[in-house]
Amino acid sequence: MEAPLPPPAATRPQTDAERQLADLIVTTLQLETRPEDIDPDAALFGDGLGLDSIDALELALAVTRHHGIELRSDDEQKLQIFASLGSLSRHIEANRRNPAPSSH
């Protein structure tokens, strides 16, 4: 039997925000992969990282607690948001930069 192949190298380096999110994903879901090995453009579900619907719920809760933004299961954009590490990171950053206007 041959030894398993190492994970393929990421197509591009992770941004700082993606690296922090990868750390959160690995820690929250107790994955047996290193955060730096998660390709920011690879799918989080299916043939990519291999997450499932339970993982999505746990991850959404962790993101809500850690970043203070709500990821709703009825959001029409959820498939695009959770498509990859990069897309989820961009969604988080966009929503953190554009808080709801305060009423004075």
PDB file of N, CA and C in Angstrom:
ATOM      1  N   MET A   1       0.837  -1.183   0.000  1.00  0.00           N
ATOM      2  CA  MET A   1       0.000   0.000   0.000  1.00  0.00           C
ATOM      3  C   MET A   1       0.880   1.243   0.000  1.00  0.00           C
ATOM      4  N   GLU A   2       0.478   2.222  -0.776  1.00  0.00           N
ATOM      5  CA  GLU A   2       1.204   3.477  -0.832  1.00  0.00           C
ATOM      6  C   GLU A   2       0.707   4.401   0.273  1.00  0.00           C
ATOM      7  N   ALA A   3       1.597   5.262   0.732  1.00  0.00           N
ATOM      8  CA  ALA A   3       1.215   6.251   1.738  1.00  0.00           C
ATOM      9  C   ALA A   3       0.262   7.254   1.104  1.00  0.00           C
ATOM     10  N   PRO A   4      -0.681   7.792   1.885  1.00  0.00           N
ATOM     11  CA  PRO A   4      -1.599   8.791   1.313  1.00  0.00           C
ATOM     12  C   PRO A   4      -0.832  10.021   0.873  1.00  0.00           C
ATOM     13  N   LEU A   5      -1.334  10.635  -0.173  1.00  0.00           N
ATOM     14  CA  LEU A   5      -0.709  11.846  -0.704  1.00  0.00           C
ATOM     15  C   LEU A   5      -0.994  13.017   0.227  1.00  0.00           C
ATOM     16  N   PRO A   6      -0.054  13.942   0.348  1.00  0.00           N
ATOM     17  CA  PRO A   6      -0.335  15.137   1.149  1.00  0.00           C
ATOM     18  C   PRO A   6      -1.391  15.977   0.452  1.00  0.00           C
ATOM     19  N   PRO A   7      -2.064  16.845   1.207  1.00  0.00           N
ATOM     20  CA  PRO A   7      -3.078  17.675   0.556  1.00  0.00           C
ATOM     21  C   PRO A   7      -2.434  18.555  -0.506  1.00  0.00           C
ATOM     22  N   PRO A   8      -3.173  18.832  -1.588  1.00  0.00           N
ATOM     23  CA  PRO A   8      -2.608  19.682  -2.634  1.00  0.00           C
ATOM     24  C   PRO A   8      -2.344  21.077  -2.083  1.00  0.00           C
ATOM     25  N   ALA A   9      -1.349  21.710  -2.609  1.00  0.00           N
ATOM     26  CA  ALA A   9      -1.014  23.068  -2.180  1.00  0.00           C
ATOM     27  C   ALA A   9      -2.137  24.015  -2.573  1.00  0.00           C
ATOM     28  N   ALA A  10      -2.363  24.995  -1.756  1.00  0.00           N
ATOM     29  CA  ALA A  10      -3.395  25.988  -2.046  1.00  0.00           C
ATOM     30  C   ALA A  10      -3.051  26.707  -3.344  1.00  0.00           C
ATOM     31  N   THR A  11      -4.096  27.090  -4.075  1.00  0.00           N
ATOM     32  CA  THR A  11      -3.879  27.777  -5.341  1.00  0.00           C
ATOM     33  C   THR A  11      -3.355  29.191  -5.129  1.00  0.00           C
ATOM     34  N   ARG A  12      -3.655  29.769  -3.985  1.00  0.00           N
ATOM     35  CA  ARG A  12      -3.134  31.084  -3.622  1.00  0.00           C
ATOM     36  C   ARG A  12      -2.998  31.103  -2.106  1.00  0.00           C
ATOM     37  N   PRO A  13      -2.144  31.960  -1.593  1.00  0.00           N
ATOM     38  CA  PRO A  13      -1.997  32.030  -0.134  1.00  0.00           C
ATOM     39  C   PRO A  13      -3.271  32.554   0.527  1.00  0.00           C
ATOM     40  N   GLN A  14      -3.507  32.125   1.746  1.00  0.00           N
ATOM     41  CA  GLN A  14      -4.633  32.646   2.503  1.00  0.00           C
ATOM     42  C   GLN A  14      -4.339  34.080   2.951  1.00  0.00           C
ATOM     43  N   THR A  15      -5.382  34.897   2.984  1.00  0.00           N
ATOM     44  CA  THR A  15      -5.258  36.219   3.585  1.00  0.00           C
ATOM     45  C   THR A  15      -5.242  36.039   5.101  1.00  0.00           C
ATOM     46  N   ASP A  16      -4.919  37.084   5.831  1.00  0.00           N
ATOM     47  CA  ASP A  16      -4.940  36.998   7.295  1.00  0.00           C
ATOM     48  C   ASP A  16      -6.335  36.632   7.799  1.00  0.00           C
ATOM     49  N   ALA A  17      -7.359  37.245   7.209  1.00  0.00           N
ATOM     50  CA  ALA A  17      -8.737  36.968   7.619  1.00  0.00           C
ATOM     51  C   ALA A  17      -9.099  35.514   7.320  1.00  0.00           C
ATOM     52  N   GLU A  18      -8.679  35.005   6.161  1.00  0.00           N
ATOM     53  CA  GLU A  18      -8.953  33.595   5.818  1.00  0.00           C
ATOM     54  C   GLU A  18      -8.237  32.660   6.775  1.00  0.00           C
ATOM     55  N   ARG A  19      -7.011  32.998   7.159  1.00  0.00           N
ATOM     56  CA  ARG A  19      -6.255  32.152   8.086  1.00  0.00           C
ATOM     57  C   ARG A  19      -6.949  32.094   9.444  1.00  0.00           C
ATOM     58  N   GLN A  20      -7.426  33.234   9.929  1.00  0.00           N
ATOM     59  CA  GLN A  20      -8.150  33.257  11.199  1.00  0.00           C
ATOM     60  C   GLN A  20      -9.435  32.438  11.101  1.00  0.00           C
ATOM     61  N   LEU A  21     -10.130  32.550   9.979  1.00  0.00           N
ATOM     62  CA  LEU A  21     -11.356  31.785   9.779  1.00  0.00           C
ATOM     63  C   LEU A  21     -11.039  30.294   9.663  1.00  0.00           C
ATOM     64  N   ALA A  22      -9.958  29.941   8.978  1.00  0.00           N
ATOM     65  CA  ALA A  22      -9.545  28.538   8.875  1.00  0.00           C
ATOM     66  C   ALA A  22      -9.248  27.967  10.260  1.00  0.00           C
ATOM     67  N   ASP A  23      -8.598  28.759  11.110  1.00  0.00           N
ATOM     68  CA  ASP A  23      -8.343  28.332  12.498  1.00  0.00           C
ATOM     69  C   ASP A  23      -9.657  28.059  13.215  1.00  0.00           C
ATOM     70  N   LEU A  24     -10.625  28.958  13.039  1.00  0.00           N
ATOM     71  CA  LEU A  24     -11.931  28.794  13.674  1.00  0.00           C
ATOM     72  C   LEU A  24     -12.630  27.529  13.164  1.00  0.00           C
ATOM     73  N   ILE A  25     -12.572  27.287  11.860  1.00  0.00           N
ATOM     74  CA  ILE A  25     -13.205  26.100  11.272  1.00  0.00           C
ATOM     75  C   ILE A  25     -12.583  24.825  11.838  1.00  0.00           C
ATOM     76  N   VAL A  26     -11.261  24.750  11.816  1.00  0.00           N
ATOM     77  CA  VAL A  26     -10.564  23.544  12.285  1.00  0.00           C
ATOM     78  C   VAL A  26     -10.836  23.304  13.764  1.00  0.00           C
ATOM     79  N   THR A  27     -10.783  24.366  14.565  1.00  0.00           N
ATOM     80  CA  THR A  27     -11.016  24.233  16.009  1.00  0.00           C
ATOM     81  C   THR A  27     -12.461  23.855  16.312  1.00  0.00           C
ATOM     82  N   THR A  28     -13.398  24.583  15.713  1.00  0.00           N
ATOM     83  CA  THR A  28     -14.822  24.359  15.978  1.00  0.00           C
ATOM     84  C   THR A  28     -15.263  22.958  15.561  1.00  0.00           C
ATOM     85  N   LEU A  29     -14.831  22.538  14.387  1.00  0.00           N
ATOM     86  CA  LEU A  29     -15.287  21.256  13.842  1.00  0.00           C
ATOM     87  C   LEU A  29     -14.331  20.111  14.160  1.00  0.00           C
ATOM     88  N   GLN A  30     -13.261  20.412  14.898  1.00  0.00           N
ATOM     89  CA  GLN A  30     -12.272  19.406  15.292  1.00  0.00           C
ATOM     90  C   GLN A  30     -11.791  18.590  14.091  1.00  0.00           C
ATOM     91  N   LEU A  31     -11.394  19.322  13.054  1.00  0.00           N
ATOM     92  CA  LEU A  31     -10.936  18.683  11.823  1.00  0.00           C
ATOM     93  C   LEU A  31      -9.505  18.182  11.986  1.00  0.00           C
ATOM     94  N   GLU A  32      -9.170  17.167  11.234  1.00  0.00           N
ATOM     95  CA  GLU A  32      -7.824  16.603  11.274  1.00  0.00           C
ATOM     96  C   GLU A  32      -6.965  17.167  10.154  1.00  0.00           C
ATOM     97  N   THR A  33      -7.136  18.418   9.863  1.00  0.00           N
ATOM     98  CA  THR A  33      -6.339  19.106   8.859  1.00  0.00           C
ATOM     99  C   THR A  33      -5.784  20.367   9.496  1.00  0.00           C
ATOM    100  N   ARG A  34      -4.708  20.858   8.956  1.00  0.00           N
ATOM    101  CA  ARG A  34      -4.125  22.099   9.473  1.00  0.00           C
ATOM    102  C   ARG A  34      -4.805  23.284   8.795  1.00  0.00           C
ATOM    103  N   PRO A  35      -5.052  24.350   9.546  1.00  0.00           N
ATOM    104  CA  PRO A  35      -5.724  25.516   8.946  1.00  0.00           C
ATOM    105  C   PRO A  35      -5.022  26.030   7.691  1.00  0.00           C
ATOM    106  N   GLU A  36      -3.699  26.016   7.705  1.00  0.00           N
ATOM    107  CA  GLU A  36      -2.962  26.538   6.544  1.00  0.00           C
ATOM    108  C   GLU A  36      -3.074  25.642   5.310  1.00  0.00           C
ATOM    109  N   ASP A  37      -3.586  24.413   5.482  1.00  0.00           N
ATOM    110  CA  ASP A  37      -3.752  23.506   4.345  1.00  0.00           C
ATOM    111  C   ASP A  37      -5.105  23.660   3.652  1.00  0.00           C
ATOM    112  N   ILE A  38      -5.967  24.514   4.194  1.00  0.00           N
ATOM    113  CA  ILE A  38      -7.280  24.720   3.566  1.00  0.00           C
ATOM    114  C   ILE A  38      -7.117  25.704   2.410  1.00  0.00           C
ATOM    115  N   ASP A  39      -7.400  25.234   1.219  1.00  0.00           N
ATOM    116  CA  ASP A  39      -7.328  26.071   0.018  1.00  0.00           C
ATOM    117  C   ASP A  39      -8.452  27.101   0.096  1.00  0.00           C
ATOM    118  N   PRO A  40      -8.136  28.388   0.047  1.00  0.00           N
ATOM    119  CA  PRO A  40      -9.178  29.408   0.195  1.00  0.00           C
ATOM    120  C   PRO A  40     -10.220  29.407  -0.917  1.00  0.00           C
ATOM    121  N   ASP A  41      -9.902  28.772  -2.047  1.00  0.00           N
ATOM    122  CA  ASP A  41     -10.846  28.754  -3.161  1.00  0.00           C
ATOM    123  C   ASP A  41     -11.516  27.394  -3.376  1.00  0.00           C
ATOM    124  N   ALA A  42     -11.157  26.407  -2.574  1.00  0.00           N
ATOM    125  CA  ALA A  42     -11.760  25.075  -2.705  1.00  0.00           C
ATOM    126  C   ALA A  42     -13.104  25.030  -1.982  1.00  0.00           C
ATOM    127  N   ALA A  43     -13.960  24.137  -2.433  1.00  0.00           N
ATOM    128  CA  ALA A  43     -15.280  23.978  -1.818  1.00  0.00           C
ATOM    129  C   ALA A  43     -15.145  23.549  -0.355  1.00  0.00           C
ATOM    130  N   LEU A  44     -15.996  24.108   0.499  1.00  0.00           N
ATOM    131  CA  LEU A  44     -16.012  23.677   1.895  1.00  0.00           C
ATOM    132  C   LEU A  44     -16.774  22.362   2.048  1.00  0.00           C
ATOM    133  N   PHE A  45     -17.722  22.113   1.143  1.00  0.00           N
ATOM    134  CA  PHE A  45     -18.576  20.931   1.233  1.00  0.00           C
ATOM    135  C   PHE A  45     -18.280  19.969   0.097  1.00  0.00           C
ATOM    136  N   GLY A  46     -18.768  18.751   0.231  1.00  0.00           N
ATOM    137  CA  GLY A  46     -18.598  17.762  -0.826  1.00  0.00           C
ATOM    138  C   GLY A  46     -17.156  17.379  -1.038  1.00  0.00           C
ATOM    139  N   ASP A  47     -16.699  17.447  -2.290  1.00  0.00           N
ATOM    140  CA  ASP A  47     -15.351  16.992  -2.645  1.00  0.00           C
ATOM    141  C   ASP A  47     -14.244  17.914  -2.148  1.00  0.00           C
ATOM    142  N   GLY A  48     -14.588  19.084  -1.661  1.00  0.00           N
ATOM    143  CA  GLY A  48     -13.573  20.002  -1.147  1.00  0.00           C
ATOM    144  C   GLY A  48     -13.118  19.570   0.233  1.00  0.00           C
ATOM    145  N   LEU A  49     -13.443  20.369   1.230  1.00  0.00           N
ATOM    146  CA  LEU A  49     -13.058  20.082   2.613  1.00  0.00           C
ATOM    147  C   LEU A  49     -13.890  18.950   3.192  1.00  0.00           C
ATOM    148  N   GLY A  50     -15.043  18.682   2.594  1.00  0.00           N
ATOM    149  CA  GLY A  50     -15.865  17.546   3.006  1.00  0.00           C
ATOM    150  C   GLY A  50     -16.830  17.819   4.145  1.00  0.00           C
ATOM    151  N   LEU A  51     -17.168  19.100   4.369  1.00  0.00           N
ATOM    152  CA  LEU A  51     -18.107  19.422   5.433  1.00  0.00           C
ATOM    153  C   LEU A  51     -19.512  18.984   5.050  1.00  0.00           C
ATOM    154  N   ASP A  52     -20.368  18.827   6.075  1.00  0.00           N
ATOM    155  CA  ASP A  52     -21.761  18.441   5.827  1.00  0.00           C
ATOM    156  C   ASP A  52     -22.693  19.469   6.471  1.00  0.00           C
ATOM    157  N   SER A  53     -23.999  19.203   6.437  1.00  0.00           N
ATOM    158  CA  SER A  53     -24.969  20.182   6.919  1.00  0.00           C
ATOM    159  C   SER A  53     -24.849  20.436   8.424  1.00  0.00           C
ATOM    160  N   ILE A  54     -24.506  19.424   9.201  1.00  0.00           N
ATOM    161  CA  ILE A  54     -24.301  19.616  10.643  1.00  0.00           C
ATOM    162  C   ILE A  54     -23.100  20.533  10.863  1.00  0.00           C
ATOM    163  N   ASP A  55     -22.040  20.316  10.095  1.00  0.00           N
ATOM    164  CA  ASP A  55     -20.865  21.188  10.184  1.00  0.00           C
ATOM    165  C   ASP A  55     -21.250  22.636   9.860  1.00  0.00           C
ATOM    166  N   ALA A  56     -22.124  22.815   8.873  1.00  0.00           N
ATOM    167  CA  ALA A  56     -22.547  24.165   8.486  1.00  0.00           C
ATOM    168  C   ALA A  56     -23.244  24.862   9.641  1.00  0.00           C
ATOM    169  N   LEU A  57     -24.096  24.136  10.360  1.00  0.00           N
ATOM    170  CA  LEU A  57     -24.788  24.725  11.500  1.00  0.00           C
ATOM    171  C   LEU A  57     -23.803  25.112  12.597  1.00  0.00           C
ATOM    172  N   GLU A  58     -22.873  24.216  12.913  1.00  0.00           N
ATOM    173  CA  GLU A  58     -21.869  24.495  13.940  1.00  0.00           C
ATOM    174  C   GLU A  58     -20.994  25.679  13.532  1.00  0.00           C
ATOM    175  N   LEU A  59     -20.618  25.708  12.268  1.00  0.00           N
ATOM    176  CA  LEU A  59     -19.775  26.789  11.770  1.00  0.00           C
ATOM    177  C   LEU A  59     -20.512  28.124  11.804  1.00  0.00           C
ATOM    178  N   ALA A  60     -21.780  28.121  11.408  1.00  0.00           N
ATOM    179  CA  ALA A  60     -22.577  29.354  11.438  1.00  0.00           C
ATOM    180  C   ALA A  60     -22.676  29.887  12.866  1.00  0.00           C
ATOM    181  N   LEU A  61     -22.870  29.006  13.831  1.00  0.00           N
ATOM    182  CA  LEU A  61     -22.924  29.421  15.239  1.00  0.00           C
ATOM    183  C   LEU A  61     -21.596  30.004  15.695  1.00  0.00           C
ATOM    184  N   ALA A  62     -20.502  29.351  15.328  1.00  0.00           N
ATOM    185  CA  ALA A  62     -19.170  29.820  15.716  1.00  0.00           C
ATOM    186  C   ALA A  62     -18.875  31.181  15.103  1.00  0.00           C
ATOM    187  N   VAL A  63     -19.236  31.375  13.841  1.00  0.00           N
ATOM    188  CA  VAL A  63     -19.014  32.659  13.168  1.00  0.00           C
ATOM    189  C   VAL A  63     -19.843  33.747  13.847  1.00  0.00           C
ATOM    190  N   THR A  64     -21.081  33.417  14.197  1.00  0.00           N
ATOM    191  CA  THR A  64     -21.945  34.384  14.880  1.00  0.00           C
ATOM    192  C   THR A  64     -21.337  34.792  16.220  1.00  0.00           C
ATOM    193  N   ARG A  65     -20.880  33.808  16.988  1.00  0.00           N
ATOM    194  CA  ARG A  65     -20.282  34.111  18.295  1.00  0.00           C
ATOM    195  C   ARG A  65     -18.967  34.881  18.154  1.00  0.00           C
ATOM    196  N   HIS A  66     -18.148  34.478  17.219  1.00  0.00           N
ATOM    197  CA  HIS A  66     -16.810  35.046  17.094  1.00  0.00           C
ATOM    198  C   HIS A  66     -16.784  36.398  16.390  1.00  0.00           C
ATOM    199  N   HIS A  67     -17.622  36.557  15.371  1.00  0.00           N
ATOM    200  CA  HIS A  67     -17.582  37.768  14.549  1.00  0.00           C
ATOM    201  C   HIS A  67     -18.785  38.682  14.735  1.00  0.00           C
ATOM    202  N   GLY A  68     -19.807  38.217  15.450  1.00  0.00           N
ATOM    203  CA  GLY A  68     -20.960  39.064  15.719  1.00  0.00           C
ATOM    204  C   GLY A  68     -21.872  39.307  14.540  1.00  0.00           C
ATOM    205  N   ILE A  69     -21.795  38.460  13.520  1.00  0.00           N
ATOM    206  CA  ILE A  69     -22.730  38.588  12.395  1.00  0.00           C
ATOM    207  C   ILE A  69     -23.560  37.317  12.330  1.00  0.00           C
ATOM    208  N   GLU A  70     -24.790  37.475  11.908  1.00  0.00           N
ATOM    209  CA  GLU A  70     -25.699  36.333  11.853  1.00  0.00           C
ATOM    210  C   GLU A  70     -25.685  35.719  10.461  1.00  0.00           C
ATOM    211  N   LEU A  71     -25.496  34.402  10.427  1.00  0.00           N
ATOM    212  CA  LEU A  71     -25.591  33.651   9.174  1.00  0.00           C
ATOM    213  C   LEU A  71     -26.883  32.840   9.253  1.00  0.00           C
ATOM    214  N   ARG A  72     -27.853  33.243   8.490  1.00  0.00           N
ATOM    215  CA  ARG A  72     -29.188  32.628   8.573  1.00  0.00           C
ATOM    216  C   ARG A  72     -29.331  31.468   7.588  1.00  0.00           C
ATOM    217  N   SER A  73     -30.003  30.423   8.057  1.00  0.00           N
ATOM    218  CA  SER A  73     -30.198  29.250   7.203  1.00  0.00           C
ATOM    219  C   SER A  73     -31.167  29.537   6.058  1.00  0.00           C
ATOM    220  N   ASP A  74     -31.992  30.577   6.203  1.00  0.00           N
ATOM    221  CA  ASP A  74     -32.946  30.904   5.140  1.00  0.00           C
ATOM    222  C   ASP A  74     -32.417  31.986   4.191  1.00  0.00           C
ATOM    223  N   ASP A  75     -31.152  32.367   4.347  1.00  0.00           N
ATOM    224  CA  ASP A  75     -30.544  33.358   3.457  1.00  0.00           C
ATOM    225  C   ASP A  75     -30.399  32.759   2.064  1.00  0.00           C
ATOM    226  N   GLU A  76     -30.932  33.447   1.061  1.00  0.00           N
ATOM    227  CA  GLU A  76     -30.872  32.943  -0.315  1.00  0.00           C
ATOM    228  C   GLU A  76     -29.440  32.852  -0.834  1.00  0.00           C
ATOM    229  N   GLN A  77     -28.526  33.583  -0.223  1.00  0.00           N
ATOM    230  CA  GLN A  77     -27.131  33.602  -0.651  1.00  0.00           C
ATOM    231  C   GLN A  77     -26.279  32.549   0.058  1.00  0.00           C
ATOM    232  N   LYS A  78     -26.864  31.722   0.928  1.00  0.00           N
ATOM    233  CA  LYS A  78     -26.062  30.831   1.773  1.00  0.00           C
ATOM    234  C   LYS A  78     -25.150  29.898   0.984  1.00  0.00           C
ATOM    235  N   LEU A  79     -25.584  29.422  -0.171  1.00  0.00           N
ATOM    236  CA  LEU A  79     -24.721  28.528  -0.949  1.00  0.00           C
ATOM    237  C   LEU A  79     -23.483  29.262  -1.458  1.00  0.00           C
ATOM    238  N   GLN A  80     -23.675  30.517  -1.846  1.00  0.00           N
ATOM    239  CA  GLN A  80     -22.531  31.315  -2.296  1.00  0.00           C
ATOM    240  C   GLN A  80     -21.645  31.701  -1.107  1.00  0.00           C
ATOM    241  N   ILE A  81     -22.259  32.048   0.013  1.00  0.00           N
ATOM    242  CA  ILE A  81     -21.506  32.453   1.202  1.00  0.00           C
ATOM    243  C   ILE A  81     -20.613  31.318   1.684  1.00  0.00           C
ATOM    244  N   PHE A  82     -21.160  30.106   1.754  1.00  0.00           N
ATOM    245  CA  PHE A  82     -20.434  28.951   2.267  1.00  0.00           C
ATOM    246  C   PHE A  82     -19.713  28.157   1.172  1.00  0.00           C
ATOM    247  N   ALA A  83     -19.579  28.727  -0.004  1.00  0.00           N
ATOM    248  CA  ALA A  83     -18.961  27.994  -1.111  1.00  0.00           C
ATOM    249  C   ALA A  83     -17.504  27.635  -0.825  1.00  0.00           C
ATOM    250  N   SER A  84     -16.767  28.553  -0.208  1.00  0.00           N
ATOM    251  CA  SER A  84     -15.345  28.322   0.044  1.00  0.00           C
ATOM    252  C   SER A  84     -14.910  29.145   1.257  1.00  0.00           C
ATOM    253  N   LEU A  85     -13.718  28.875   1.723  1.00  0.00           N
ATOM    254  CA  LEU A  85     -13.130  29.662   2.805  1.00  0.00           C
ATOM    255  C   LEU A  85     -13.081  31.135   2.400  1.00  0.00           C
ATOM    256  N   GLY A  86     -12.661  31.389   1.177  1.00  0.00           N
ATOM    257  CA  GLY A  86     -12.552  32.757   0.690  1.00  0.00           C
ATOM    258  C   GLY A  86     -13.891  33.470   0.641  1.00  0.00           C
ATOM    259  N   SER A  87     -14.921  32.810   0.140  1.00  0.00           N
ATOM    260  CA  SER A  87     -16.232  33.462   0.038  1.00  0.00           C
ATOM    261  C   SER A  87     -16.822  33.727   1.413  1.00  0.00           C
ATOM    262  N   LEU A  88     -16.655  32.803   2.345  1.00  0.00           N
ATOM    263  CA  LEU A  88     -17.157  33.019   3.703  1.00  0.00           C
ATOM    264  C   LEU A  88     -16.394  34.151   4.376  1.00  0.00           C
ATOM    265  N   SER A  89     -15.094  34.183   4.192  1.00  0.00           N
ATOM    266  CA  SER A  89     -14.275  35.244   4.766  1.00  0.00           C
ATOM    267  C   SER A  89     -14.677  36.611   4.206  1.00  0.00           C
ATOM    268  N   ARG A  90     -14.890  36.691   2.899  1.00  0.00           N
ATOM    269  CA  ARG A  90     -15.301  37.962   2.277  1.00  0.00           C
ATOM    270  C   ARG A  90     -16.660  38.416   2.805  1.00  0.00           C
ATOM    271  N   HIS A  91     -17.576  37.477   3.002  1.00  0.00           N
ATOM    272  CA  HIS A  91     -18.904  37.805   3.529  1.00  0.00           C
ATOM    273  C   HIS A  91     -18.780  38.370   4.949  1.00  0.00           C
ATOM    274  N   ILE A  92     -17.969  37.731   5.760  1.00  0.00           N
ATOM    275  CA  ILE A  92     -17.766  38.197   7.136  1.00  0.00           C
ATOM    276  C   ILE A  92     -17.174  39.598   7.130  1.00  0.00           C
ATOM    277  N   GLU A  93     -16.124  39.788   6.341  1.00  0.00           N
ATOM    278  CA  GLU A  93     -15.469  41.099   6.295  1.00  0.00           C
ATOM    279  C   GLU A  93     -16.416  42.186   5.784  1.00  0.00           C
ATOM    280  N   ALA A  94     -17.205  41.889   4.770  1.00  0.00           N
ATOM    281  CA  ALA A  94     -18.139  42.870   4.216  1.00  0.00           C
ATOM    282  C   ALA A  94     -19.186  43.271   5.248  1.00  0.00           C
ATOM    283  N   ASN A  95     -19.659  42.314   6.017  1.00  0.00           N
ATOM    284  CA  ASN A  95     -20.694  42.611   6.994  1.00  0.00           C
ATOM    285  C   ASN A  95     -20.132  43.258   8.254  1.00  0.00           C
ATOM    286  N   ARG A  96     -18.886  43.024   8.559  1.00  0.00           N
ATOM    287  CA  ARG A  96     -18.263  43.690   9.702  1.00  0.00           C
ATOM    288  C   ARG A  96     -17.936  45.131   9.363  1.00  0.00           C
ATOM    289  N   ARG A  97     -17.645  45.417   8.119  1.00  0.00           N
ATOM    290  CA  ARG A  97     -17.291  46.777   7.703  1.00  0.00           C
ATOM    291  C   ARG A  97     -18.518  47.649   7.497  1.00  0.00           C
ATOM    292  N   ASN A  98     -19.672  47.017   7.296  1.00  0.00           N
ATOM    293  CA  ASN A  98     -20.886  47.773   7.005  1.00  0.00           C
ATOM    294  C   ASN A  98     -21.928  47.512   8.083  1.00  0.00           C
ATOM    295  N   PRO A  99     -21.666  47.955   9.300  1.00  0.00           N
ATOM    296  CA  PRO A  99     -22.663  47.753  10.343  1.00  0.00           C
ATOM    297  C   PRO A  99     -23.909  48.576  10.056  1.00  0.00           C
ATOM    298  N   ALA A 100     -24.997  48.158  10.650  1.00  0.00           N
ATOM    299  CA  ALA A 100     -26.246  48.900  10.473  1.00  0.00           C
ATOM    300  C   ALA A 100     -26.069  50.305  11.027  1.00  0.00           C
ATOM    301  N   PRO A 101     -26.613  51.304  10.348  1.00  0.00           N
ATOM    302  CA  PRO A 101     -26.459  52.670  10.843  1.00  0.00           C
ATOM    303  C   PRO A 101     -27.137  52.819  12.198  1.00  0.00           C
ATOM    304  N   SER A 102     -26.494  53.557  13.067  1.00  0.00           N
ATOM    305  CA  SER A 102     -27.085  53.764  14.391  1.00  0.00           C
ATOM    306  C   SER A 102     -28.050  54.925  14.318  1.00  0.00           C
ATOM    307  N   SER A 103     -29.073  54.881  15.144  1.00  0.00           N
ATOM    308  CA  SER A 103     -30.047  55.966  15.152  1.00  0.00           C
ATOM    309  C   SER A 103     -29.710  56.912  16.281  1.00  0.00           C
ATOM    310  N   HIS A 104     -29.476  58.152  15.932  1.00  0.00           N
ATOM    311  CA  HIS A 104     -29.129  59.177  16.936  1.00  0.00           C
ATOM    312  C   HIS A 104     -30.270  60.135  17.076  1.00  0.00           C
TER     313      HIS A 104
END
